[in-house]
């Protein structure tokens, strides 16, 4: 809570928009762990799960960053819908392009 004084008037405004510092640290640690898993896919053979695991980790990181660091979790739902529909479109185009390479390069 912050206190402001405007021309002799005492105003108190609530600023509960977001998380605590501890919450941000926990989210950052989770993102770091997912990034470490993504990097490990280069060194460990995941076989056919390589690409799906990378796509899932990418989507999870995107949702976490957009939800917590960009505060979409606390904003109007239309903003979240716009970001997530863009994510679905991007993942769909990416999967379509990769599957095109898979099916036509044989």
C-alpha atoms as a PDB file:
ATOM      1  CA  UNK A   1       0.000   0.000   0.000  1.00  0.00           C
ATOM      2  CA  UNK A   2       1.348   3.425  -0.879  1.00  0.00           C
ATOM      3  CA  UNK A   3       0.423   6.786   0.539  1.00  0.00           C
ATOM      4  CA  UNK A   4       0.251   9.880  -1.636  1.00  0.00           C
ATOM      5  CA  UNK A   5      -0.414  13.486  -0.791  1.00  0.00           C
ATOM      6  CA  UNK A   6      -2.039  15.654  -3.456  1.00  0.00           C
ATOM      7  CA  UNK A   7      -2.580  19.322  -2.522  1.00  0.00           C
ATOM      8  CA  UNK A   8      -3.053  18.586   1.142  1.00  0.00           C
ATOM      9  CA  UNK A   9      -5.327  15.581   0.556  1.00  0.00           C
ATOM     10  CA  UNK A  10      -4.175  12.300   1.973  1.00  0.00           C
ATOM     11  CA  UNK A  11      -4.793   9.384  -0.422  1.00  0.00           C
ATOM     12  CA  UNK A  12      -4.039   5.727   0.067  1.00  0.00           C
ATOM     13  CA  UNK A  13      -3.914   3.495  -2.986  1.00  0.00           C
ATOM     14  CA  UNK A  14      -3.698  -0.255  -3.128  1.00  0.00           C
ATOM     15  CA  UNK A  15      -1.039  -1.722  -5.395  1.00  0.00           C
ATOM     16  CA  UNK A  16      -1.671  -5.446  -5.103  1.00  0.00           C
ATOM     17  CA  UNK A  17      -1.103  -6.041  -8.810  1.00  0.00           C
ATOM     18  CA  UNK A  18       1.348  -8.887  -9.053  1.00  0.00           C
ATOM     19  CA  UNK A  19       3.148 -11.289  -6.806  1.00  0.00           C
ATOM     20  CA  UNK A  20       5.565 -11.025  -3.961  1.00  0.00           C
ATOM     21  CA  UNK A  21       9.304 -11.083  -4.527  1.00  0.00           C
ATOM     22  CA  UNK A  22       9.387 -14.673  -3.319  1.00  0.00           C
ATOM     23  CA  UNK A  23       6.832 -15.620  -5.975  1.00  0.00           C
ATOM     24  CA  UNK A  24       8.929 -14.058  -8.722  1.00  0.00           C
ATOM     25  CA  UNK A  25      12.005 -15.922  -7.499  1.00  0.00           C
ATOM     26  CA  UNK A  26      10.122 -19.227  -7.537  1.00  0.00           C
ATOM     27  CA  UNK A  27       8.899 -18.587 -11.100  1.00  0.00           C
ATOM     28  CA  UNK A  28      12.434 -17.617 -12.175  1.00  0.00           C
ATOM     29  CA  UNK A  29      13.836 -20.831 -10.672  1.00  0.00           C
ATOM     30  CA  UNK A  30      11.204 -22.910 -12.480  1.00  0.00           C
ATOM     31  CA  UNK A  31      12.048 -21.137 -15.748  1.00  0.00           C
ATOM     32  CA  UNK A  32      15.759 -21.790 -15.152  1.00  0.00           C
ATOM     33  CA  UNK A  33      15.057 -25.485 -14.537  1.00  0.00           C
ATOM     34  CA  UNK A  34      13.021 -25.749 -17.747  1.00  0.00           C
ATOM     35  CA  UNK A  35      15.815 -23.979 -19.643  1.00  0.00           C
ATOM     36  CA  UNK A  36      18.313 -26.480 -18.235  1.00  0.00           C
ATOM     37  CA  UNK A  37      16.083 -29.313 -19.469  1.00  0.00           C
ATOM     38  CA  UNK A  38      15.930 -27.699 -22.904  1.00  0.00           C
ATOM     39  CA  UNK A  39      19.717 -27.460 -23.036  1.00  0.00           C
ATOM     40  CA  UNK A  40      20.016 -31.071 -21.878  1.00  0.00           C
ATOM     41  CA  UNK A  41      18.127 -32.205 -24.976  1.00  0.00           C
ATOM     42  CA  UNK A  42      21.254 -31.337 -26.946  1.00  0.00           C
ATOM     43  CA  UNK A  43      23.433 -33.695 -24.879  1.00  0.00           C
ATOM     44  CA  UNK A  44      20.962 -36.504 -24.064  1.00  0.00           C
ATOM     45  CA  UNK A  45      19.293 -38.551 -26.802  1.00  0.00           C
ATOM     46  CA  UNK A  46      15.519 -38.216 -26.301  1.00  0.00           C
ATOM     47  CA  UNK A  47      14.761 -40.170 -29.475  1.00  0.00           C
ATOM     48  CA  UNK A  48      11.377 -39.412 -31.001  1.00  0.00           C
ATOM     49  CA  UNK A  49      10.386 -37.328 -27.957  1.00  0.00           C
ATOM     50  CA  UNK A  50      13.011 -34.692 -28.789  1.00  0.00           C
ATOM     51  CA  UNK A  51      10.829 -32.256 -30.712  1.00  0.00           C
ATOM     52  CA  UNK A  52       7.563 -32.725 -28.764  1.00  0.00           C
ATOM     53  CA  UNK A  53       9.415 -32.215 -25.478  1.00  0.00           C
ATOM     54  CA  UNK A  54      10.991 -28.998 -26.751  1.00  0.00           C
ATOM     55  CA  UNK A  55       7.632 -27.687 -27.960  1.00  0.00           C
ATOM     56  CA  UNK A  56       5.951 -28.493 -24.635  1.00  0.00           C
ATOM     57  CA  UNK A  57       8.747 -26.812 -22.661  1.00  0.00           C
ATOM     58  CA  UNK A  58       8.565 -23.781 -24.973  1.00  0.00           C
ATOM     59  CA  UNK A  59       4.817 -23.448 -24.422  1.00  0.00           C
ATOM     60  CA  UNK A  60       5.143 -23.820 -20.644  1.00  0.00           C
ATOM     61  CA  UNK A  61       7.851 -21.147 -20.507  1.00  0.00           C
ATOM     62  CA  UNK A  62       5.815 -18.813 -22.717  1.00  0.00           C
ATOM     63  CA  UNK A  63       2.723 -19.189 -20.534  1.00  0.00           C
ATOM     64  CA  UNK A  64       4.715 -18.618 -17.340  1.00  0.00           C
ATOM     65  CA  UNK A  65       6.510 -15.528 -18.638  1.00  0.00           C
ATOM     66  CA  UNK A  66       3.346 -14.018 -20.089  1.00  0.00           C
ATOM     67  CA  UNK A  67       1.229 -14.860 -17.048  1.00  0.00           C
ATOM     68  CA  UNK A  68       3.559 -13.757 -14.285  1.00  0.00           C
ATOM     69  CA  UNK A  69       6.190 -11.353 -15.623  1.00  0.00           C
ATOM     70  CA  UNK A  70       3.842  -9.590 -18.050  1.00  0.00           C
ATOM     71  CA  UNK A  71       1.037  -9.676 -15.426  1.00  0.00           C
ATOM     72  CA  UNK A  72      -1.569 -11.174 -17.781  1.00  0.00           C
ATOM     73  CA  UNK A  73      -2.711 -13.412 -14.961  1.00  0.00           C
ATOM     74  CA  UNK A  74      -3.921 -10.311 -13.150  1.00  0.00           C
ATOM     75  CA  UNK A  75      -5.278  -8.368 -16.171  1.00  0.00           C
ATOM     76  CA  UNK A  76      -8.418  -8.548 -18.238  1.00  0.00           C
ATOM     77  CA  UNK A  77      -9.039 -11.986 -19.781  1.00  0.00           C
ATOM     78  CA  UNK A  78      -9.195 -10.548 -23.335  1.00  0.00           C
ATOM     79  CA  UNK A  79      -5.459  -9.819 -23.186  1.00  0.00           C
ATOM     80  CA  UNK A  80      -4.722 -13.387 -22.130  1.00  0.00           C
ATOM     81  CA  UNK A  81      -6.948 -14.703 -24.915  1.00  0.00           C
ATOM     82  CA  UNK A  82      -5.074 -12.608 -27.484  1.00  0.00           C
ATOM     83  CA  UNK A  83      -1.653 -13.828 -26.350  1.00  0.00           C
ATOM     84  CA  UNK A  84      -2.668 -17.471 -26.065  1.00  0.00           C
ATOM     85  CA  UNK A  85      -4.437 -17.507 -29.432  1.00  0.00           C
ATOM     86  CA  UNK A  86      -1.252 -16.096 -30.974  1.00  0.00           C
ATOM     87  CA  UNK A  87       0.699 -18.847 -29.240  1.00  0.00           C
ATOM     88  CA  UNK A  88      -1.613 -21.519 -30.630  1.00  0.00           C
ATOM     89  CA  UNK A  89      -1.293 -20.061 -34.118  1.00  0.00           C
ATOM     90  CA  UNK A  90       2.508 -19.919 -33.877  1.00  0.00           C
ATOM     91  CA  UNK A  91       2.794 -23.493 -32.575  1.00  0.00           C
ATOM     92  CA  UNK A  92       0.408 -24.689 -35.280  1.00  0.00           C
ATOM     93  CA  UNK A  93       2.443 -23.035 -38.040  1.00  0.00           C
ATOM     94  CA  UNK A  94       5.685 -24.361 -36.543  1.00  0.00           C
ATOM     95  CA  UNK A  95       4.374 -27.929 -36.310  1.00  0.00           C
ATOM     96  CA  UNK A  96       2.966 -27.724 -39.848  1.00  0.00           C
ATOM     97  CA  UNK A  97       6.297 -26.516 -41.225  1.00  0.00           C
ATOM     98  CA  UNK A  98       8.261 -29.211 -39.389  1.00  0.00           C
ATOM     99  CA  UNK A  99       5.870 -31.945 -40.460  1.00  0.00           C
ATOM    100  CA  UNK A 100       6.212 -30.752 -44.059  1.00  0.00           C
ATOM    101  CA  UNK A 101       9.966 -31.304 -43.835  1.00  0.00           C
ATOM    102  CA  UNK A 102       9.398 -34.690 -42.232  1.00  0.00           C
ATOM    103  CA  UNK A 103       6.970 -35.985 -44.854  1.00  0.00           C
ATOM    104  CA  UNK A 104       8.457 -34.519 -48.035  1.00  0.00           C
ATOM    105  CA  UNK A 105      12.188 -35.030 -47.448  1.00  0.00           C
ATOM    106  CA  UNK A 106      12.016 -38.822 -47.456  1.00  0.00           C
END
